[in-house]
Protein backbone atom coordinates (compact mmCIF):
# COMPACT_ATOMS: atom_id res chain seq x y z
CA UNK A 1 20.73 1.03 -34.52
CA UNK A 2 20.52 -1.53 -31.69
CA UNK A 3 20.02 0.94 -28.83
CA UNK A 4 17.08 2.74 -30.45
CA UNK A 5 14.99 -0.34 -31.34
CA UNK A 6 11.94 -0.61 -29.07
CA UNK A 7 9.76 -3.07 -31.07
CA UNK A 8 10.16 -5.77 -33.70
CA UNK A 9 7.76 -6.44 -36.58
CA UNK A 10 7.91 -9.56 -38.72
CA UNK A 11 6.65 -10.75 -42.05
CA UNK A 12 4.83 -14.09 -41.72
CA UNK A 13 5.27 -16.48 -44.67
CA UNK A 14 8.90 -17.04 -45.63
CA UNK A 15 10.00 -15.43 -42.38
CA UNK A 16 8.33 -17.01 -39.35
CA UNK A 17 6.63 -19.91 -41.14
CA UNK A 18 7.02 -21.78 -44.39
CA UNK A 19 4.68 -23.61 -46.74
CA UNK A 20 6.32 -26.95 -47.40
CA UNK A 21 3.81 -28.12 -50.01
CA UNK A 22 3.32 -25.12 -52.30
CA UNK A 23 0.47 -25.71 -54.73
CA UNK A 24 0.21 -22.04 -55.81
CA UNK A 25 -3.52 -22.57 -55.88
CA UNK A 26 -4.52 -18.90 -55.73
CA UNK A 27 -2.13 -17.96 -58.53
CA UNK A 28 -3.38 -20.79 -60.75
CA UNK A 29 -6.99 -19.91 -60.07
CA UNK A 30 -6.69 -16.16 -60.53
CA UNK A 31 -4.86 -16.71 -63.82
CA UNK A 32 -8.16 -18.00 -65.21
CA UNK A 33 -9.75 -14.59 -64.74
CA UNK A 34 -9.78 -11.93 -67.43
CA UNK A 35 -8.97 -9.30 -64.79
CA UNK A 36 -6.28 -11.26 -62.95
CA UNK A 37 -4.31 -8.25 -61.66
CA UNK A 38 -7.37 -6.56 -60.21
CA UNK A 39 -8.60 -9.79 -58.68
CA UNK A 40 -5.19 -10.51 -57.15
CA UNK A 41 -5.22 -7.14 -55.44
CA UNK A 42 -8.77 -7.71 -54.22
CA UNK A 43 -7.92 -11.09 -52.69
CA UNK A 44 -5.06 -9.56 -50.70
CA UNK A 45 -6.99 -6.54 -49.44
CA UNK A 46 -10.50 -7.88 -48.78
CA UNK A 47 -11.97 -10.63 -46.61
CA UNK A 48 -12.84 -12.90 -49.52
CA UNK A 49 -13.29 -16.61 -48.90
CA UNK A 50 -12.11 -19.21 -51.37
CA UNK A 51 -15.74 -19.99 -52.26
CA UNK A 52 -16.43 -16.31 -52.97
CA UNK A 53 -13.34 -16.12 -55.17
CA UNK A 54 -14.50 -19.15 -57.12
CA UNK A 55 -17.89 -17.53 -57.67
CA UNK A 56 -16.24 -14.34 -58.94
CA UNK A 57 -14.09 -16.23 -61.43
CA UNK A 58 -16.77 -18.58 -62.70
CA UNK A 59 -20.34 -17.55 -61.76
CA UNK A 60 -21.73 -20.21 -64.08
CA UNK A 61 -19.64 -22.88 -62.33
CA UNK A 62 -18.04 -24.13 -65.51
CA UNK A 63 -14.81 -24.70 -63.60
CA UNK A 64 -14.62 -27.65 -61.22
CA UNK A 65 -13.18 -26.07 -58.08
CA UNK A 66 -12.96 -29.23 -55.99
CA UNK A 67 -9.37 -29.93 -57.03
CA UNK A 68 -8.40 -26.34 -56.23
CA UNK A 69 -10.05 -26.62 -52.82
CA UNK A 70 -8.09 -29.79 -52.08
CA UNK A 71 -4.86 -28.09 -53.13
CA UNK A 72 -5.63 -25.19 -50.80
CA UNK A 73 -6.14 -27.60 -47.91
CA UNK A 74 -2.88 -29.39 -48.75
CA UNK A 75 -1.02 -26.09 -48.78
CA UNK A 76 -2.51 -24.86 -45.51
CA UNK A 77 -1.85 -28.21 -43.88
CA UNK A 78 1.83 -28.01 -44.78
CA UNK A 79 2.51 -24.69 -43.01
CA UNK A 80 5.13 -25.08 -40.27
CA UNK A 81 7.33 -22.69 -38.26
CA UNK A 82 10.99 -22.47 -39.15
CA UNK A 83 13.21 -24.36 -36.67
CA UNK A 84 14.38 -21.23 -34.82
CA UNK A 85 11.08 -19.30 -34.87
CA UNK A 86 9.72 -20.16 -31.43
CA UNK A 87 13.08 -19.86 -29.71
CA UNK A 88 13.68 -16.39 -31.15
CA UNK A 89 10.16 -15.20 -30.31
CA UNK A 90 10.51 -16.55 -26.78
CA UNK A 91 13.75 -14.61 -26.28
CA UNK A 92 12.05 -11.45 -27.54
CA UNK A 93 8.78 -11.84 -25.67
CA UNK A 94 8.51 -9.53 -22.69
CA UNK A 95 11.47 -7.47 -23.85
CA UNK A 96 9.98 -5.98 -27.01
CA UNK A 97 6.46 -5.47 -28.33
CA UNK A 98 6.16 -7.82 -31.30
CA UNK A 99 4.03 -7.28 -34.39
CA UNK A 100 3.34 -8.65 -37.83
CA UNK A 101 2.72 -7.24 -41.31
CA UNK A 102 1.72 -9.84 -43.88
CA UNK A 103 0.24 -9.85 -47.38
CA UNK A 104 -2.16 -12.78 -47.25
CA UNK A 105 -5.48 -13.98 -48.61
CA UNK A 106 -8.03 -14.75 -45.90
CA UNK A 107 -7.49 -18.53 -45.53
CA UNK A 108 -3.80 -18.02 -44.73
CA UNK A 109 -4.44 -15.93 -41.62
CA UNK A 110 -5.55 -18.98 -39.64
CA UNK A 111 -2.00 -20.38 -39.43
CA UNK A 112 -1.09 -17.55 -37.07
CA UNK A 113 -3.20 -18.97 -34.24
CA UNK A 114 -3.10 -22.61 -35.34
CA UNK A 115 0.68 -22.68 -34.95
CA UNK A 116 0.62 -20.80 -31.64
CA UNK A 117 2.21 -17.57 -32.76
CA UNK A 118 -0.46 -15.71 -30.82
CA UNK A 119 1.39 -16.75 -27.66
CA UNK A 120 4.14 -14.31 -28.50
CA UNK A 121 2.39 -11.24 -29.86
CA UNK A 122 -0.87 -9.38 -29.48
CA UNK A 123 -3.26 -10.20 -32.32
CA UNK A 124 -4.17 -6.50 -32.48
CA UNK A 125 -0.55 -5.70 -33.39
CA UNK A 126 -0.78 -7.88 -36.50
CA UNK A 127 -1.64 -6.23 -39.81
CA UNK A 128 -2.92 -8.83 -42.26
CA UNK A 129 -3.53 -7.21 -45.63
CA UNK A 130 -6.88 -8.93 -46.19
CA UNK A 131 -8.16 -7.55 -42.88
CA UNK A 132 -6.82 -4.00 -42.95
CA UNK A 133 -7.41 -3.25 -46.64
CA UNK A 134 -3.78 -2.29 -47.30
CA UNK A 135 -0.81 -4.29 -48.46
CA UNK A 136 2.94 -4.08 -48.53
CA UNK A 137 4.81 -2.14 -49.81
CA UNK A 138 2.18 0.62 -49.43
CA UNK A 139 3.54 3.15 -46.95
CA UNK A 140 0.30 3.36 -44.98
CA UNK A 141 0.34 -0.23 -43.73
CA UNK A 142 3.66 0.36 -41.95
CA UNK A 143 2.48 3.67 -40.52
CA UNK A 144 -0.78 2.20 -39.24
CA UNK A 145 1.04 -0.74 -37.63
CA UNK A 146 3.37 1.64 -35.79
CA UNK A 147 0.38 3.67 -34.58
CA UNK A 148 -1.43 0.56 -33.35
CA UNK A 149 1.68 -0.63 -31.51
CA UNK A 150 2.19 2.87 -30.09
CA UNK A 151 5.84 2.88 -31.07
CA UNK A 152 7.55 5.49 -33.24
CA UNK A 153 8.46 4.06 -36.68
CA UNK A 154 12.10 5.03 -36.08
CA UNK A 155 12.11 2.67 -33.07
CA UNK A 156 10.79 -0.35 -34.97
CA UNK A 157 12.84 -3.04 -36.70
CA UNK A 158 11.06 -4.95 -39.47
CA UNK A 159 12.34 -8.36 -40.52
CA UNK A 160 11.26 -10.23 -43.64
CA UNK A 161 12.32 -12.09 -46.75
CA UNK A 162 11.26 -9.55 -49.41
CA UNK A 163 13.53 -6.65 -50.33
CA UNK A 164 10.62 -4.63 -51.71
CA UNK A 165 8.01 -5.38 -49.04
CA UNK A 166 10.02 -5.99 -45.87
CA UNK A 167 13.07 -3.77 -46.32
CA UNK A 168 12.50 -0.89 -48.73
CA UNK A 169 8.79 -0.51 -47.96
CA UNK A 170 9.28 -0.04 -44.20
CA UNK A 171 12.02 2.49 -44.83
CA UNK A 172 9.59 4.75 -46.70
CA UNK A 173 7.73 4.93 -43.37
CA UNK A 174 10.99 5.59 -41.46
CA UNK A 175 11.17 2.10 -39.94
CA UNK A 176 14.44 0.25 -39.64
CA UNK A 177 14.60 -3.01 -41.56
CA UNK A 178 16.74 -6.03 -42.28
CA UNK A 179 16.43 -8.68 -44.97
CA UNK A 180 16.10 -12.34 -44.05
CA UNK A 181 17.87 -14.30 -46.79
CA UNK A 182 17.82 -17.99 -45.92
CA UNK A 183 19.17 -19.00 -49.33
CA UNK A 184 22.11 -16.59 -49.48
CA UNK A 185 21.13 -15.71 -53.05
CA UNK A 186 19.86 -12.15 -52.54
CA UNK A 187 22.17 -9.20 -53.03
CA UNK A 188 21.55 -6.73 -50.23
CA UNK A 189 23.93 -5.25 -47.64
CA UNK A 190 21.80 -5.51 -44.48
CA UNK A 191 20.76 -9.13 -44.33
CA UNK A 192 20.69 -12.11 -42.01
CA UNK A 193 20.60 -15.83 -42.80
CA UNK A 194 18.22 -16.86 -40.01
CA UNK A 195 15.97 -15.17 -37.47
CA UNK A 196 18.72 -15.51 -34.88
CA UNK A 197 20.62 -12.83 -36.78
CA UNK A 198 18.26 -10.12 -35.55
CA UNK A 199 20.06 -10.10 -32.22
CA UNK A 200 22.87 -8.28 -34.01
CA UNK A 201 20.40 -5.42 -34.60
CA UNK A 202 18.74 -5.10 -31.21
CA UNK A 203 19.96 -4.69 -27.65
CA UNK A 204 18.94 -7.52 -25.29
């Protein structure tokens, strides 16, 4: 595989960055809705602000959303890169086009630039579900990302921490993929324990 890889695509949360103070605020809030599944999909595939979500769930404002807003700010403020993230991206930069495919609600996109990840990859090569209207593991989001990056899917390696979204999903679009399992608890043959493991799958 190593010789044919021409680009690397990452997942964001759980792969390049982590949320250290998880409040699960979106999950807790959406649970209050009668159409939670539909609303969850909408949040991930549309540019919906937290305030707009609150209005959808409780138009009459019977729910006090201030505590939820504070929890969201706590969560966003606790996002940090994993220890090896910048070093790995620096080693890859200039050698491979780098991209991103991430299922995120709108407020979580901001961490990409706030943490300086935009130094390593073109923002246009990043497919955030809330911006592009598609989400993993839908086949189209991988195909569109490959088209935007102008690299054949067969020449892309995707790295992420979800078997369904970051390994099996990309393979339906003919991408190569490897699982990032930091805990060592996932049962999958092609996996690495840190981002540094990707150098076993690409030729530098």
